[in-house]
Amino acid sequence: MTNLMNERELGWDDEINKEGPEFILLPAGDYDFEVISFERARHNGSEKMPPCNKAILKIKIETVEGVNIIQHSLLLHQRTEGFLSEFFTSIGQKKKGQPLKMNWNLVIGAKGRCKVSIRDWVSNSGDTMQSNEIKKFYEPKESAAPTFTPGSF
């Protein structure tokens, strides 16, 4: 992860050396993730969903091949409450079967596990493209408590 303290703003006449980030298409599967940004926005409404608030998340997935950043939107509506619950359970804020007041201040830096798929789409120029999308957020696995046997070291 980039250390923000060592970064600086570039001037209009500065020299640049780094190449552009390489796009990595992840194979469909399950991955660990970290939320690296969160933005409040508005869904304008669609055929299936009325206007409502939405959270735009940038989710980082690191693999041996490289890093993929997936933008994922969560719509804040009663119809999608199950998806919201799934996300907040995945990052450890919500306990299954218990209500939760969503705490968006704790979302950046939160980690969890998700199911990633490949989505086919057509660009404005008519090219067939592929990108990753998150299909599901998983409940965290229960961590096994360390066992302690008195008198053993």
N, C-alpha and C. Protein backbone atom coordinates (compact mmCIF):
# COMPACT_ATOMS: atom_id res chain seq x y z
N MET A 1 0.84 -1.18 0.00
CA MET A 1 0.00 0.00 0.00
C MET A 1 0.88 1.24 0.00
N THR A 2 0.48 2.24 -0.73
CA THR A 2 1.25 3.47 -0.83
C THR A 2 1.20 4.23 0.48
N ASN A 3 2.33 4.73 0.91
CA ASN A 3 2.39 5.54 2.11
C ASN A 3 2.06 6.98 1.73
N LEU A 4 0.90 7.47 2.15
CA LEU A 4 0.45 8.80 1.77
C LEU A 4 1.36 9.91 2.30
N MET A 5 2.07 9.65 3.37
CA MET A 5 2.95 10.67 3.95
C MET A 5 4.16 10.93 3.04
N ASN A 6 4.54 9.96 2.20
CA ASN A 6 5.69 10.12 1.31
C ASN A 6 5.29 10.63 -0.06
N GLU A 7 4.01 10.86 -0.29
CA GLU A 7 3.55 11.35 -1.57
C GLU A 7 3.50 12.87 -1.57
N ARG A 8 3.53 13.44 -2.78
CA ARG A 8 3.44 14.89 -2.88
C ARG A 8 2.67 15.26 -4.15
N GLU A 9 2.16 16.44 -4.15
CA GLU A 9 1.47 16.97 -5.32
C GLU A 9 2.48 17.22 -6.42
N LEU A 10 2.09 17.00 -7.67
CA LEU A 10 2.96 17.29 -8.81
C LEU A 10 2.69 18.69 -9.32
N GLY A 11 3.75 19.36 -9.77
CA GLY A 11 3.61 20.67 -10.40
C GLY A 11 3.30 20.51 -11.87
N TRP A 12 2.83 21.57 -12.52
CA TRP A 12 2.44 21.52 -13.93
C TRP A 12 3.64 21.17 -14.82
N ASP A 13 4.84 21.53 -14.42
CA ASP A 13 6.02 21.29 -15.26
C ASP A 13 6.91 20.18 -14.73
N ASP A 14 6.44 19.40 -13.73
CA ASP A 14 7.25 18.31 -13.18
C ASP A 14 7.46 17.21 -14.21
N GLU A 15 8.54 16.46 -14.04
CA GLU A 15 8.82 15.30 -14.87
C GLU A 15 8.13 14.08 -14.25
N ILE A 16 7.55 13.25 -15.11
CA ILE A 16 6.92 12.03 -14.62
C ILE A 16 7.62 10.82 -15.23
N ASN A 17 7.65 9.68 -14.48
CA ASN A 17 8.36 8.49 -14.93
C ASN A 17 7.51 7.22 -14.90
N LYS A 18 6.60 7.12 -13.95
CA LYS A 18 5.82 5.88 -13.78
C LYS A 18 4.88 5.66 -14.95
N GLU A 19 4.72 4.38 -15.30
CA GLU A 19 3.78 4.01 -16.35
C GLU A 19 2.39 3.92 -15.72
N GLY A 20 1.36 3.89 -16.54
CA GLY A 20 -0.01 3.79 -16.06
C GLY A 20 -0.25 2.45 -15.38
N PRO A 21 -1.22 2.40 -14.49
CA PRO A 21 -1.50 1.13 -13.81
C PRO A 21 -1.99 0.10 -14.82
N GLU A 22 -1.55 -1.13 -14.63
CA GLU A 22 -1.98 -2.21 -15.51
C GLU A 22 -3.28 -2.78 -14.99
N PHE A 23 -4.25 -2.91 -15.88
CA PHE A 23 -5.54 -3.47 -15.49
C PHE A 23 -5.41 -4.98 -15.34
N ILE A 24 -5.91 -5.51 -14.25
CA ILE A 24 -5.88 -6.95 -13.99
C ILE A 24 -7.32 -7.42 -13.88
N LEU A 25 -7.69 -8.39 -14.72
CA LEU A 25 -9.00 -9.02 -14.63
C LEU A 25 -8.83 -10.26 -13.77
N LEU A 26 -9.45 -10.25 -12.60
CA LEU A 26 -9.35 -11.39 -11.70
C LEU A 26 -10.22 -12.53 -12.19
N PRO A 27 -9.75 -13.77 -12.06
CA PRO A 27 -10.63 -14.90 -12.34
C PRO A 27 -11.78 -14.89 -11.33
N ALA A 28 -12.94 -15.37 -11.75
CA ALA A 28 -14.07 -15.45 -10.82
C ALA A 28 -13.65 -16.30 -9.63
N GLY A 29 -14.05 -15.87 -8.44
CA GLY A 29 -13.71 -16.62 -7.24
C GLY A 29 -13.88 -15.79 -5.99
N ASP A 30 -13.38 -16.32 -4.88
CA ASP A 30 -13.50 -15.68 -3.57
C ASP A 30 -12.18 -15.01 -3.22
N TYR A 31 -12.26 -13.78 -2.71
CA TYR A 31 -11.07 -12.99 -2.41
C TYR A 31 -11.23 -12.21 -1.11
N ASP A 32 -10.10 -11.98 -0.43
CA ASP A 32 -10.07 -11.04 0.68
C ASP A 32 -10.06 -9.63 0.09
N PHE A 33 -10.65 -8.68 0.79
CA PHE A 33 -10.69 -7.31 0.29
C PHE A 33 -10.46 -6.32 1.41
N GLU A 34 -10.17 -5.08 0.99
CA GLU A 34 -10.10 -3.94 1.90
C GLU A 34 -10.80 -2.76 1.25
N VAL A 35 -11.65 -2.07 2.00
CA VAL A 35 -12.33 -0.87 1.49
C VAL A 35 -11.32 0.28 1.57
N ILE A 36 -11.02 0.90 0.42
CA ILE A 36 -10.02 1.98 0.43
C ILE A 36 -10.64 3.36 0.27
N SER A 37 -11.92 3.42 -0.16
CA SER A 37 -12.59 4.72 -0.17
C SER A 37 -14.10 4.52 -0.13
N PHE A 38 -14.77 5.57 0.29
CA PHE A 38 -16.22 5.58 0.41
C PHE A 38 -16.71 6.97 0.06
N GLU A 39 -17.74 7.04 -0.78
CA GLU A 39 -18.29 8.32 -1.20
C GLU A 39 -19.81 8.26 -1.09
N ARG A 40 -20.40 9.31 -0.55
CA ARG A 40 -21.86 9.41 -0.49
C ARG A 40 -22.34 9.97 -1.83
N ALA A 41 -23.38 9.34 -2.39
CA ALA A 41 -23.90 9.77 -3.68
C ALA A 41 -25.42 9.54 -3.70
N ARG A 42 -26.00 9.78 -4.83
CA ARG A 42 -27.45 9.64 -5.00
C ARG A 42 -27.73 8.79 -6.23
N HIS A 43 -28.60 7.80 -6.07
CA HIS A 43 -29.09 7.00 -7.19
C HIS A 43 -30.30 7.74 -7.73
N ASN A 44 -30.29 8.04 -9.02
CA ASN A 44 -31.36 8.85 -9.62
C ASN A 44 -32.63 8.08 -9.90
N GLY A 45 -32.61 6.80 -9.67
CA GLY A 45 -33.78 5.98 -9.96
C GLY A 45 -33.58 5.24 -11.26
N SER A 46 -34.23 4.10 -11.37
CA SER A 46 -34.16 3.28 -12.57
C SER A 46 -35.47 2.52 -12.70
N GLU A 47 -35.54 1.68 -13.68
CA GLU A 47 -36.75 0.88 -13.90
C GLU A 47 -37.06 0.00 -12.69
N LYS A 48 -36.01 -0.48 -12.02
CA LYS A 48 -36.20 -1.43 -10.90
C LYS A 48 -36.07 -0.80 -9.52
N MET A 49 -35.52 0.42 -9.43
CA MET A 49 -35.25 1.00 -8.11
C MET A 49 -35.57 2.49 -8.11
N PRO A 50 -36.33 2.96 -7.11
CA PRO A 50 -36.62 4.40 -7.04
C PRO A 50 -35.38 5.18 -6.60
N PRO A 51 -35.41 6.50 -6.72
CA PRO A 51 -34.28 7.31 -6.25
C PRO A 51 -34.00 7.04 -4.78
N CYS A 52 -32.71 7.01 -4.42
CA CYS A 52 -32.31 6.78 -3.03
C CYS A 52 -30.82 7.13 -2.87
N ASN A 53 -30.38 7.19 -1.63
CA ASN A 53 -28.96 7.39 -1.36
C ASN A 53 -28.18 6.16 -1.80
N LYS A 54 -26.90 6.36 -2.10
CA LYS A 54 -26.05 5.22 -2.40
C LYS A 54 -24.64 5.50 -1.91
N ALA A 55 -23.97 4.43 -1.53
CA ALA A 55 -22.58 4.48 -1.12
C ALA A 55 -21.76 3.92 -2.27
N ILE A 56 -20.76 4.68 -2.70
CA ILE A 56 -19.85 4.19 -3.73
C ILE A 56 -18.56 3.81 -3.03
N LEU A 57 -18.25 2.51 -3.05
CA LEU A 57 -17.06 1.98 -2.39
C LEU A 57 -16.01 1.65 -3.42
N LYS A 58 -14.76 1.87 -3.08
CA LYS A 58 -13.65 1.35 -3.87
C LYS A 58 -13.04 0.25 -3.02
N ILE A 59 -13.03 -0.95 -3.58
CA ILE A 59 -12.61 -2.14 -2.86
C ILE A 59 -11.35 -2.69 -3.50
N LYS A 60 -10.31 -2.81 -2.69
CA LYS A 60 -9.01 -3.29 -3.18
C LYS A 60 -8.87 -4.77 -2.92
N ILE A 61 -8.45 -5.49 -3.97
CA ILE A 61 -8.16 -6.91 -3.86
C ILE A 61 -6.73 -7.11 -4.34
N GLU A 62 -5.88 -7.64 -3.45
CA GLU A 62 -4.48 -7.88 -3.79
C GLU A 62 -4.29 -9.36 -4.09
N THR A 63 -3.62 -9.64 -5.22
CA THR A 63 -3.29 -11.02 -5.59
C THR A 63 -1.82 -11.07 -5.99
N VAL A 64 -1.32 -12.26 -6.25
CA VAL A 64 0.06 -12.43 -6.70
C VAL A 64 0.27 -11.70 -8.02
N GLU A 65 -0.75 -11.68 -8.88
CA GLU A 65 -0.66 -11.03 -10.19
C GLU A 65 -0.67 -9.50 -10.09
N GLY A 66 -1.19 -8.96 -9.00
CA GLY A 66 -1.26 -7.52 -8.84
C GLY A 66 -2.49 -7.12 -8.04
N VAL A 67 -2.81 -5.84 -8.12
CA VAL A 67 -3.91 -5.27 -7.35
C VAL A 67 -5.05 -4.90 -8.29
N ASN A 68 -6.27 -5.19 -7.89
CA ASN A 68 -7.46 -4.79 -8.63
C ASN A 68 -8.32 -3.94 -7.71
N ILE A 69 -8.77 -2.81 -8.21
CA ILE A 69 -9.68 -1.94 -7.46
C ILE A 69 -11.05 -2.05 -8.14
N ILE A 70 -12.04 -2.50 -7.39
CA ILE A 70 -13.39 -2.65 -7.91
C ILE A 70 -14.28 -1.59 -7.28
N GLN A 71 -14.98 -0.83 -8.13
CA GLN A 71 -15.95 0.13 -7.61
C GLN A 71 -17.27 -0.62 -7.41
N HIS A 72 -17.84 -0.47 -6.22
CA HIS A 72 -19.07 -1.19 -5.88
C HIS A 72 -20.04 -0.21 -5.22
N SER A 73 -21.27 -0.21 -5.69
CA SER A 73 -22.29 0.68 -5.13
C SER A 73 -23.24 -0.11 -4.24
N LEU A 74 -23.58 0.48 -3.12
CA LEU A 74 -24.60 -0.05 -2.22
C LEU A 74 -25.75 0.95 -2.18
N LEU A 75 -26.93 0.52 -2.60
CA LEU A 75 -28.10 1.39 -2.59
C LEU A 75 -28.75 1.33 -1.21
N LEU A 76 -29.06 2.49 -0.67
CA LEU A 76 -29.66 2.58 0.66
C LEU A 76 -31.19 2.65 0.50
N HIS A 77 -31.79 1.47 0.42
CA HIS A 77 -33.23 1.35 0.23
C HIS A 77 -33.68 0.06 0.90
N GLN A 78 -34.93 0.03 1.32
CA GLN A 78 -35.45 -1.18 1.97
C GLN A 78 -35.33 -2.41 1.08
N ARG A 79 -35.44 -2.24 -0.23
CA ARG A 79 -35.33 -3.37 -1.15
C ARG A 79 -33.94 -4.01 -1.11
N THR A 80 -32.93 -3.22 -0.77
CA THR A 80 -31.55 -3.72 -0.79
C THR A 80 -30.97 -3.87 0.61
N GLU A 81 -31.84 -3.85 1.60
CA GLU A 81 -31.38 -3.94 2.99
C GLU A 81 -30.58 -5.23 3.24
N GLY A 82 -30.94 -6.31 2.58
CA GLY A 82 -30.21 -7.57 2.72
C GLY A 82 -28.78 -7.45 2.24
N PHE A 83 -28.55 -6.71 1.13
CA PHE A 83 -27.19 -6.50 0.62
C PHE A 83 -26.37 -5.64 1.58
N LEU A 84 -27.02 -4.62 2.15
CA LEU A 84 -26.34 -3.77 3.13
C LEU A 84 -25.94 -4.59 4.35
N SER A 85 -26.86 -5.42 4.81
CA SER A 85 -26.60 -6.28 5.96
C SER A 85 -25.45 -7.23 5.67
N GLU A 86 -25.43 -7.80 4.47
CA GLU A 86 -24.37 -8.71 4.06
C GLU A 86 -23.00 -8.01 4.09
N PHE A 87 -22.95 -6.78 3.56
CA PHE A 87 -21.69 -6.02 3.56
C PHE A 87 -21.23 -5.72 4.98
N PHE A 88 -22.11 -5.18 5.81
CA PHE A 88 -21.71 -4.80 7.17
C PHE A 88 -21.38 -6.03 8.03
N THR A 89 -22.00 -7.16 7.74
CA THR A 89 -21.63 -8.40 8.43
C THR A 89 -20.23 -8.82 8.00
N SER A 90 -19.95 -8.71 6.71
CA SER A 90 -18.65 -9.12 6.17
C SER A 90 -17.50 -8.35 6.79
N ILE A 91 -17.70 -7.06 7.04
CA ILE A 91 -16.61 -6.25 7.60
C ILE A 91 -16.62 -6.25 9.14
N GLY A 92 -17.51 -7.04 9.73
CA GLY A 92 -17.49 -7.23 11.17
C GLY A 92 -18.28 -6.22 11.98
N GLN A 93 -19.03 -5.33 11.33
CA GLN A 93 -19.83 -4.36 12.09
C GLN A 93 -21.15 -4.95 12.57
N LYS A 94 -21.73 -5.83 11.77
CA LYS A 94 -23.05 -6.38 12.10
C LYS A 94 -22.92 -7.84 12.50
N LYS A 95 -23.67 -8.20 13.50
CA LYS A 95 -23.77 -9.60 13.92
C LYS A 95 -25.05 -10.17 13.34
N LYS A 96 -24.97 -11.38 12.82
CA LYS A 96 -26.13 -12.03 12.20
C LYS A 96 -27.30 -12.08 13.18
N GLY A 97 -28.48 -11.67 12.70
CA GLY A 97 -29.68 -11.71 13.52
C GLY A 97 -29.87 -10.51 14.42
N GLN A 98 -28.94 -9.55 14.40
CA GLN A 98 -29.05 -8.37 15.25
C GLN A 98 -29.14 -7.11 14.38
N PRO A 99 -29.95 -6.13 14.80
CA PRO A 99 -30.03 -4.88 14.03
C PRO A 99 -28.72 -4.10 14.16
N LEU A 100 -28.48 -3.21 13.21
CA LEU A 100 -27.27 -2.39 13.22
C LEU A 100 -27.58 -1.00 12.69
N LYS A 101 -27.08 0.01 13.39
CA LYS A 101 -27.08 1.37 12.84
C LYS A 101 -25.78 1.47 12.05
N MET A 102 -25.90 1.64 10.73
CA MET A 102 -24.72 1.65 9.86
C MET A 102 -23.75 2.75 10.27
N ASN A 103 -22.49 2.40 10.50
CA ASN A 103 -21.47 3.37 10.86
C ASN A 103 -20.50 3.52 9.69
N TRP A 104 -20.78 4.48 8.83
CA TRP A 104 -19.99 4.69 7.62
C TRP A 104 -18.59 5.20 7.94
N ASN A 105 -18.39 5.79 9.12
CA ASN A 105 -17.07 6.27 9.50
C ASN A 105 -16.06 5.14 9.69
N LEU A 106 -16.55 3.92 9.90
CA LEU A 106 -15.66 2.78 10.10
C LEU A 106 -15.47 1.93 8.83
N VAL A 107 -16.01 2.37 7.71
CA VAL A 107 -15.96 1.57 6.48
C VAL A 107 -14.57 1.61 5.83
N ILE A 108 -13.95 2.79 5.73
CA ILE A 108 -12.63 2.87 5.10
C ILE A 108 -11.62 2.11 5.96
N GLY A 109 -10.89 1.22 5.31
CA GLY A 109 -9.93 0.38 6.01
C GLY A 109 -10.50 -0.95 6.48
N ALA A 110 -11.82 -1.10 6.40
CA ALA A 110 -12.46 -2.35 6.81
C ALA A 110 -12.08 -3.46 5.84
N LYS A 111 -11.99 -4.68 6.38
CA LYS A 111 -11.60 -5.83 5.56
C LYS A 111 -12.64 -6.92 5.68
N GLY A 112 -12.71 -7.74 4.63
CA GLY A 112 -13.64 -8.85 4.61
C GLY A 112 -13.31 -9.79 3.47
N ARG A 113 -14.30 -10.59 3.09
CA ARG A 113 -14.14 -11.56 2.01
C ARG A 113 -15.36 -11.47 1.11
N CYS A 114 -15.12 -11.60 -0.21
CA CYS A 114 -16.22 -11.46 -1.16
C CYS A 114 -16.08 -12.42 -2.33
N LYS A 115 -17.18 -12.58 -3.05
CA LYS A 115 -17.22 -13.38 -4.28
C LYS A 115 -17.16 -12.41 -5.45
N VAL A 116 -16.18 -12.62 -6.33
CA VAL A 116 -15.98 -11.78 -7.50
C VAL A 116 -16.35 -12.56 -8.75
N SER A 117 -17.03 -11.89 -9.67
CA SER A 117 -17.36 -12.52 -10.95
C SER A 117 -16.84 -11.63 -12.08
N ILE A 118 -16.97 -12.11 -13.30
CA ILE A 118 -16.57 -11.34 -14.48
C ILE A 118 -17.85 -10.91 -15.19
N ARG A 119 -17.91 -9.61 -15.49
CA ARG A 119 -19.07 -9.05 -16.17
C ARG A 119 -18.67 -8.65 -17.59
N ASP A 120 -19.43 -9.10 -18.58
CA ASP A 120 -19.23 -8.70 -19.97
C ASP A 120 -20.10 -7.49 -20.25
N TRP A 121 -19.55 -6.51 -20.99
CA TRP A 121 -20.32 -5.33 -21.34
C TRP A 121 -19.81 -4.78 -22.66
N VAL A 122 -20.55 -3.86 -23.25
CA VAL A 122 -20.19 -3.26 -24.53
C VAL A 122 -19.88 -1.78 -24.32
N SER A 123 -18.71 -1.37 -24.79
CA SER A 123 -18.29 0.03 -24.64
C SER A 123 -19.07 0.92 -25.60
N ASN A 124 -18.92 2.24 -25.42
CA ASN A 124 -19.60 3.20 -26.31
C ASN A 124 -19.17 3.03 -27.76
N SER A 125 -17.94 2.52 -27.96
CA SER A 125 -17.45 2.32 -29.33
C SER A 125 -17.87 0.96 -29.90
N GLY A 126 -18.62 0.17 -29.12
CA GLY A 126 -19.11 -1.11 -29.59
C GLY A 126 -18.21 -2.29 -29.29
N ASP A 127 -17.10 -2.05 -28.59
CA ASP A 127 -16.18 -3.15 -28.23
C ASP A 127 -16.74 -3.94 -27.07
N THR A 128 -16.57 -5.27 -27.11
CA THR A 128 -16.95 -6.12 -26.00
C THR A 128 -15.85 -6.05 -24.96
N MET A 129 -16.21 -5.74 -23.74
CA MET A 129 -15.24 -5.55 -22.65
C MET A 129 -15.59 -6.49 -21.50
N GLN A 130 -14.63 -6.64 -20.58
CA GLN A 130 -14.87 -7.41 -19.36
C GLN A 130 -14.34 -6.63 -18.17
N SER A 131 -15.02 -6.78 -17.05
CA SER A 131 -14.55 -6.19 -15.80
C SER A 131 -15.03 -7.08 -14.66
N ASN A 132 -14.44 -6.85 -13.50
CA ASN A 132 -14.85 -7.61 -12.32
C ASN A 132 -15.96 -6.88 -11.59
N GLU A 133 -16.81 -7.65 -10.93
CA GLU A 133 -17.83 -7.08 -10.06
C GLU A 133 -18.00 -7.99 -8.86
N ILE A 134 -18.43 -7.40 -7.76
CA ILE A 134 -18.64 -8.16 -6.53
C ILE A 134 -20.08 -8.66 -6.52
N LYS A 135 -20.23 -9.97 -6.34
CA LYS A 135 -21.55 -10.59 -6.33
C LYS A 135 -22.07 -10.84 -4.93
N LYS A 136 -21.16 -11.04 -3.98
CA LYS A 136 -21.59 -11.40 -2.63
C LYS A 136 -20.49 -11.05 -1.64
N PHE A 137 -20.91 -10.66 -0.44
CA PHE A 137 -19.99 -10.47 0.68
C PHE A 137 -20.22 -11.61 1.66
N TYR A 138 -19.13 -12.20 2.15
CA TYR A 138 -19.24 -13.35 3.04
C TYR A 138 -19.17 -12.95 4.51
N GLU A 139 -19.85 -13.73 5.32
CA GLU A 139 -19.78 -13.58 6.77
C GLU A 139 -18.37 -13.98 7.21
N PRO A 140 -17.77 -13.25 8.15
CA PRO A 140 -16.42 -13.63 8.60
C PRO A 140 -16.43 -14.99 9.27
N LYS A 141 -15.35 -15.72 9.07
CA LYS A 141 -15.21 -17.01 9.74
C LYS A 141 -14.94 -16.76 11.20
N GLU A 142 -15.48 -17.62 12.04
CA GLU A 142 -15.21 -17.53 13.47
C GLU A 142 -13.74 -17.87 13.69
N SER A 143 -13.04 -17.01 14.39
CA SER A 143 -11.64 -17.31 14.67
C SER A 143 -11.59 -18.27 15.85
N ALA A 144 -10.77 -19.26 15.68
CA ALA A 144 -10.64 -20.25 16.75
C ALA A 144 -9.90 -19.62 17.91
N ALA A 145 -10.50 -19.70 19.09
CA ALA A 145 -9.85 -19.15 20.28
C ALA A 145 -8.65 -20.02 20.64
N PRO A 146 -7.53 -19.39 20.99
CA PRO A 146 -6.36 -20.19 21.36
C PRO A 146 -6.67 -21.02 22.60
N THR A 147 -6.22 -22.24 22.56
CA THR A 147 -6.45 -23.11 23.72
C THR A 147 -5.32 -22.94 24.70
N PHE A 148 -5.63 -23.02 25.96
CA PHE A 148 -4.64 -22.86 27.03
C PHE A 148 -4.77 -24.03 27.98
N THR A 149 -3.67 -24.70 28.19
CA THR A 149 -3.64 -25.78 29.15
C THR A 149 -2.76 -25.35 30.30
N PRO A 150 -3.32 -25.21 31.50
CA PRO A 150 -2.51 -24.78 32.63
C PRO A 150 -1.31 -25.68 32.84
N GLY A 151 -0.16 -25.05 33.09
CA GLY A 151 1.07 -25.79 33.39
C GLY A 151 1.87 -26.16 32.15
N SER A 152 1.34 -25.93 30.94
CA SER A 152 2.11 -26.24 29.72
C SER A 152 2.60 -24.94 29.10
N PHE A 153 3.77 -25.01 28.52
CA PHE A 153 4.36 -23.83 27.90
C PHE A 153 4.79 -24.14 26.49
